[in-house]
Amino acid sequence: MKTEAIDLRTDADLAACLRVRRPVAALAFDYAAGERIPAHQHTKAQLIYAVEGSLIVTTAEGHWALLPTRAIWVPAHTRHITRMRGPAGTKVRMRTVFFDDSVRPPASTCAVVRVSPLLRELIVALCDIQRQEPRLYRPQSRAALIAPLLIAELRLWQVLPLHLPWPREPRLRRICHALQQSPSLHGSMDHWAAGESISSRTLARLFRAELGMSFDDWRSQLLLLEAQIRLAQGQSSQRVARALGYASPAAFSAMFRRATGHSPVEHKKSLHRV
């Protein structure tokens, strides 16, 4: 079902967060699964975290998946799209913290970082406080005490491999988009090359030149990200394996363990430790 796009640039609270002269400002938004924030950018860097639900951040360079116990760092002036993921009728409770340029970033581009229990509580507390207090919080106020502690906690950044690079070449973009819309092991490289009236050799060369990996490696990364999102939504290993085209749950579990070092069951448990 097509959902109405949301334009955060018209939000007064967002404008206040971006305008305020403080190193840290926080904002809370709740969305329905399936909603989409169209391409936009901010003058400040932001850390996007969801206390409930999953989402995907897309830039010209790729896609970053946000799962429970994870957050996405988006540098200032990075044009991006945000898509809420989840079963129909569920919500994505997104919390965003904006930082000025005094805060050292974890990476020069978007990155997925681990959220510690302390960092989670600091984000939630600052969002709750700033529902009541002015963005320009007073010295020695509760928000003013939380902000430097939040920044200090960020120095323990651990960047996680939850990124899918994205091509610029039009034919390859169409193939990658189609794969993303229906992620599955089904369909060989010959099949996808024929759909664009190019040779398999040409398609293999495009993957290497544009994305720095083979067709199989890129699709494996796509399926791994999709599997993590679906597991975070509570789907069983059997259901995920079947949806992604694996021959059996055992084959899916073996792939998942090779890629992450954990079984799907262990992964699901880790997402709820915060």
Protein backbone atom coordinates (compact mmCIF):
# COMPACT_ATOMS: atom_id res chain seq x y z
CA MET A 1 0.00 0.00 0.00
CA LYS A 2 1.36 3.40 -0.94
CA THR A 3 1.77 5.71 2.03
CA GLU A 4 1.87 9.47 2.19
CA ALA A 5 5.37 10.94 2.37
CA ILE A 6 6.26 13.04 5.40
CA ASP A 7 8.32 16.22 5.09
CA LEU A 8 10.14 16.89 8.35
CA ARG A 9 11.49 20.22 7.08
CA THR A 10 8.15 21.84 7.87
CA ASP A 11 8.21 20.80 11.54
CA ALA A 12 8.71 23.69 13.98
CA ASP A 13 10.39 21.49 16.61
CA LEU A 14 12.89 20.25 14.04
CA ALA A 15 13.68 23.80 12.99
CA ALA A 16 14.29 24.70 16.65
CA CYS A 17 16.67 21.74 17.09
CA LEU A 18 18.70 22.78 14.07
CA ARG A 19 18.77 26.44 15.07
CA VAL A 20 19.58 26.18 18.78
CA ARG A 21 23.13 26.98 19.89
CA ARG A 22 23.77 23.91 21.97
CA PRO A 23 26.06 20.94 21.12
CA VAL A 24 23.18 18.47 21.56
CA ALA A 25 19.43 18.67 20.92
CA ALA A 26 16.92 15.82 20.82
CA LEU A 27 13.60 15.16 19.13
CA ALA A 28 11.00 12.36 19.20
CA PHE A 29 8.81 11.24 16.28
CA ASP A 30 6.43 8.28 15.99
CA TYR A 31 5.49 6.81 12.59
CA ALA A 32 3.39 4.00 11.19
CA ALA A 33 5.25 1.12 9.56
CA GLY A 34 5.46 1.76 5.82
CA GLU A 35 5.70 5.55 6.09
CA ARG A 36 8.49 7.32 4.27
CA ILE A 37 10.41 10.56 4.84
CA PRO A 38 11.45 11.87 1.40
CA ALA A 39 14.96 13.00 0.47
CA HIS A 40 16.17 15.77 2.78
CA GLN A 41 19.27 16.94 4.62
CA HIS A 42 20.08 18.77 7.85
CA THR A 43 22.63 21.40 8.80
CA LYS A 44 23.61 19.30 11.82
CA ALA A 45 24.75 15.69 12.14
CA GLN A 46 22.17 13.37 13.64
CA LEU A 47 21.97 10.05 15.43
CA ILE A 48 18.78 8.17 14.53
CA TYR A 49 17.57 5.61 17.06
CA ALA A 50 14.31 3.68 17.36
CA VAL A 51 13.05 2.62 20.75
CA GLU A 52 10.57 0.47 18.82
CA GLY A 53 10.58 -0.77 15.22
CA SER A 54 13.08 -0.80 12.35
CA LEU A 55 13.93 1.56 9.51
CA ILE A 56 16.20 1.97 6.49
CA VAL A 57 18.23 5.10 5.72
CA THR A 58 19.16 5.52 2.05
CA THR A 59 21.74 7.89 0.55
CA ALA A 60 23.44 8.04 -2.85
CA GLU A 61 26.13 5.72 -1.42
CA GLY A 62 23.93 2.95 -0.05
CA HIS A 63 21.42 1.67 2.48
CA TRP A 64 21.85 1.42 6.25
CA ALA A 65 19.57 -0.80 8.34
CA LEU A 66 18.53 0.23 11.85
CA LEU A 67 17.64 -2.57 14.24
CA PRO A 68 16.97 -2.66 18.01
CA THR A 69 20.16 -1.83 20.00
CA ARG A 70 21.52 -0.01 16.92
CA ALA A 71 21.54 3.61 15.76
CA ILE A 72 22.47 5.31 12.48
CA TRP A 73 24.89 8.24 12.33
CA VAL A 74 24.06 10.65 9.49
CA PRO A 75 26.65 13.42 8.89
CA ALA A 76 25.50 17.00 8.41
CA HIS A 77 24.39 17.94 4.87
CA THR A 78 23.92 14.28 3.88
CA ARG A 79 20.87 13.94 1.65
CA HIS A 80 18.92 10.87 2.75
CA ILE A 81 15.57 9.06 2.66
CA THR A 82 14.12 7.21 5.65
CA ARG A 83 11.69 4.28 5.28
CA MET A 84 9.89 2.74 8.25
CA ARG A 85 9.82 -1.06 8.32
CA GLY A 86 7.47 -3.38 10.13
CA PRO A 87 4.23 -5.33 9.94
CA ALA A 88 1.09 -3.38 9.03
CA GLY A 89 -0.46 -1.67 12.01
CA THR A 90 2.79 -1.38 13.99
CA LYS A 91 4.70 1.78 14.89
CA VAL A 92 8.26 2.97 14.58
CA ARG A 93 9.14 5.20 17.54
CA MET A 94 12.11 7.17 16.25
CA ARG A 95 14.34 9.31 18.48
CA THR A 96 16.84 11.69 16.89
CA VAL A 97 19.74 13.50 18.53
CA PHE A 98 21.32 16.40 16.64
CA PHE A 99 24.96 17.39 17.18
CA ASP A 100 26.91 20.48 16.21
CA ASP A 101 30.38 20.25 14.68
CA SER A 102 32.10 20.15 18.08
CA VAL A 103 31.21 16.45 18.36
CA ARG A 104 33.66 13.99 16.81
CA PRO A 105 31.86 11.77 14.28
CA PRO A 106 32.34 7.97 14.18
CA ALA A 107 32.74 8.04 10.39
CA SER A 108 32.83 10.45 7.46
CA THR A 109 29.73 8.86 5.97
CA CYS A 110 26.62 7.21 7.39
CA ALA A 111 27.36 4.41 9.82
CA VAL A 112 25.47 1.98 12.03
CA VAL A 113 26.68 2.05 15.65
CA ARG A 114 25.91 -0.07 18.69
CA VAL A 115 23.73 1.52 21.38
CA SER A 116 24.75 0.65 24.92
CA PRO A 117 22.13 0.49 27.69
CA LEU A 118 23.43 3.78 29.09
CA LEU A 119 23.34 5.52 25.70
CA ARG A 120 19.76 4.35 25.17
CA GLU A 121 18.63 5.79 28.50
CA LEU A 122 20.43 9.08 27.83
CA ILE A 123 18.74 9.44 24.42
CA VAL A 124 15.31 8.61 25.84
CA ALA A 125 15.78 10.92 28.83
CA LEU A 126 16.92 13.87 26.71
CA CYS A 127 13.99 13.43 24.33
CA ASP A 128 11.57 13.31 27.27
CA ILE A 129 13.10 16.39 28.88
CA GLN A 130 13.03 18.40 25.68
CA ARG A 131 9.31 17.77 25.30
CA GLN A 132 8.95 20.04 28.34
CA GLU A 133 12.04 22.29 28.47
CA PRO A 134 13.24 24.81 25.88
CA ARG A 135 15.78 23.62 23.32
CA LEU A 136 18.12 26.31 24.66
CA TYR A 137 18.40 24.53 28.00
CA ARG A 138 19.86 26.44 30.93
CA PRO A 139 23.32 25.72 32.42
CA GLN A 140 23.08 23.20 35.27
CA SER A 141 19.64 22.08 34.09
CA ARG A 142 19.03 18.34 33.78
CA ALA A 143 19.40 18.50 29.97
CA ALA A 144 22.68 20.40 30.33
CA LEU A 145 24.02 17.65 32.58
CA ILE A 146 22.88 14.81 30.31
CA ALA A 147 24.28 16.32 27.09
CA PRO A 148 28.03 16.01 27.91
CA LEU A 149 27.50 12.51 29.33
CA LEU A 150 25.79 11.51 26.07
CA ILE A 151 28.71 12.92 24.07
CA ALA A 152 31.18 11.05 26.30
CA GLU A 153 29.29 7.79 25.74
CA LEU A 154 29.53 8.33 21.99
CA ARG A 155 33.32 8.16 22.24
CA LEU A 156 32.86 4.41 22.69
CA TRP A 157 31.55 4.12 19.10
CA GLN A 158 31.48 0.62 17.63
CA VAL A 159 30.65 0.81 13.92
CA LEU A 160 28.74 -2.26 12.69
CA PRO A 161 28.60 -3.82 9.18
CA LEU A 162 24.94 -3.08 8.44
CA HIS A 163 25.51 -1.28 5.16
CA LEU A 164 24.58 -2.15 1.58
CA PRO A 165 26.49 -0.12 -1.08
CA TRP A 166 24.39 1.32 -3.88
CA PRO A 167 25.36 1.83 -7.54
CA ARG A 168 25.07 4.90 -9.75
CA GLU A 169 25.09 3.19 -13.18
CA PRO A 170 21.44 3.14 -14.41
CA ARG A 171 21.26 -0.51 -15.49
CA LEU A 172 22.87 -1.73 -12.31
CA ARG A 173 20.62 0.51 -10.20
CA ARG A 174 17.54 -1.04 -11.81
CA ILE A 175 18.79 -4.56 -11.09
CA CYS A 176 19.72 -3.73 -7.49
CA HIS A 177 16.38 -2.02 -6.94
CA ALA A 178 14.52 -5.08 -8.24
CA LEU A 179 16.58 -7.35 -6.00
CA GLN A 180 15.87 -5.13 -3.02
CA GLN A 181 12.13 -5.11 -3.72
CA SER A 182 12.02 -8.93 -3.73
CA PRO A 183 15.13 -10.19 -1.94
CA SER A 184 15.68 -13.87 -2.71
CA LEU A 185 18.30 -16.40 -3.70
CA HIS A 186 16.19 -17.18 -6.76
CA GLY A 187 17.37 -15.74 -10.08
CA SER A 188 20.89 -16.21 -11.43
CA MET A 189 23.18 -13.45 -12.66
CA ASP A 190 22.38 -14.62 -16.20
CA HIS A 191 18.68 -14.00 -15.48
CA TRP A 192 19.25 -10.44 -14.27
CA ALA A 193 21.68 -9.63 -17.08
CA ALA A 194 19.18 -10.81 -19.69
CA GLY A 195 16.56 -8.49 -18.22
CA GLU A 196 18.80 -5.51 -19.08
CA SER A 197 19.92 -7.00 -22.42
CA ILE A 198 23.54 -7.16 -21.33
CA SER A 199 25.96 -10.08 -20.96
CA SER A 200 26.71 -11.74 -17.65
CA ARG A 201 30.33 -10.66 -18.08
CA THR A 202 29.25 -7.02 -18.39
CA LEU A 203 27.04 -7.30 -15.31
CA ALA A 204 29.88 -8.90 -13.31
CA ARG A 205 32.18 -6.05 -14.36
CA LEU A 206 29.59 -3.44 -13.30
CA PHE A 207 29.25 -4.98 -9.85
CA ARG A 208 33.02 -4.95 -9.37
CA ALA A 209 33.50 -1.43 -10.73
CA GLU A 210 30.53 0.22 -9.01
CA LEU A 211 30.25 -1.71 -5.74
CA GLY A 212 33.62 -3.36 -5.23
CA MET A 213 32.08 -6.83 -4.85
CA SER A 214 30.65 -9.63 -6.92
CA PHE A 215 26.98 -10.16 -7.73
CA ASP A 216 26.82 -13.08 -5.28
CA ASP A 217 28.54 -11.13 -2.49
CA TRP A 218 26.23 -8.12 -2.93
CA ARG A 219 23.10 -10.27 -2.95
CA SER A 220 24.36 -12.15 0.12
CA GLN A 221 24.77 -8.85 1.96
CA LEU A 222 21.27 -7.79 0.88
CA LEU A 223 19.79 -11.06 2.16
CA LEU A 224 21.72 -10.81 5.43
CA LEU A 225 20.39 -7.30 6.11
CA GLU A 226 16.87 -8.34 5.17
CA ALA A 227 17.13 -11.39 7.42
CA GLN A 228 18.23 -9.28 10.37
CA ILE A 229 15.32 -6.88 9.87
CA ARG A 230 12.79 -9.70 9.65
CA LEU A 231 14.19 -11.48 12.69
CA ALA A 232 14.03 -8.18 14.62
CA GLN A 233 10.35 -7.97 13.70
CA GLY A 234 9.79 -11.32 15.40
CA GLN A 235 9.63 -13.59 12.35
CA SER A 236 10.82 -17.17 12.88
CA SER A 237 13.96 -18.56 11.25
CA GLN A 238 11.80 -20.95 9.25
CA ARG A 239 9.66 -18.13 7.88
CA VAL A 240 12.67 -15.96 7.00
CA ALA A 241 14.47 -18.87 5.32
CA ARG A 242 11.42 -19.64 3.20
CA ALA A 243 10.82 -15.99 2.24
CA LEU A 244 14.44 -15.46 1.16
CA GLY A 245 14.63 -18.62 -0.92
CA TYR A 246 16.89 -20.83 1.18
CA ALA A 247 16.59 -24.57 0.64
CA SER A 248 15.98 -25.18 4.34
CA PRO A 249 16.10 -23.45 7.74
CA ALA A 250 19.39 -25.26 8.36
CA ALA A 251 20.94 -23.73 5.21
CA PHE A 252 19.75 -20.29 6.29
CA SER A 253 21.10 -20.75 9.83
CA ALA A 254 24.48 -21.88 8.48
CA MET A 255 24.72 -18.77 6.27
CA PHE A 256 23.71 -16.51 9.14
CA ARG A 257 26.25 -18.00 11.53
CA ARG A 258 29.07 -17.72 8.95
CA ALA A 259 28.25 -14.04 8.37
CA THR A 260 27.60 -12.91 11.96
CA GLY A 261 29.16 -15.51 14.24
CA HIS A 262 25.76 -16.14 15.83
CA SER A 263 22.73 -18.28 15.09
CA PRO A 264 19.45 -16.53 14.18
CA VAL A 265 18.08 -17.39 17.65
CA GLU A 266 21.13 -15.89 19.38
CA HIS A 267 20.83 -12.80 17.18
CA LYS A 268 17.17 -12.26 18.14
CA LYS A 269 18.04 -12.52 21.83
CA SER A 270 20.86 -9.96 21.46
CA LEU A 271 18.47 -7.39 20.00
CA HIS A 272 16.50 -7.23 23.24
CA ARG A 273 19.28 -6.91 25.76
CA VAL A 274 19.05 -3.12 25.95
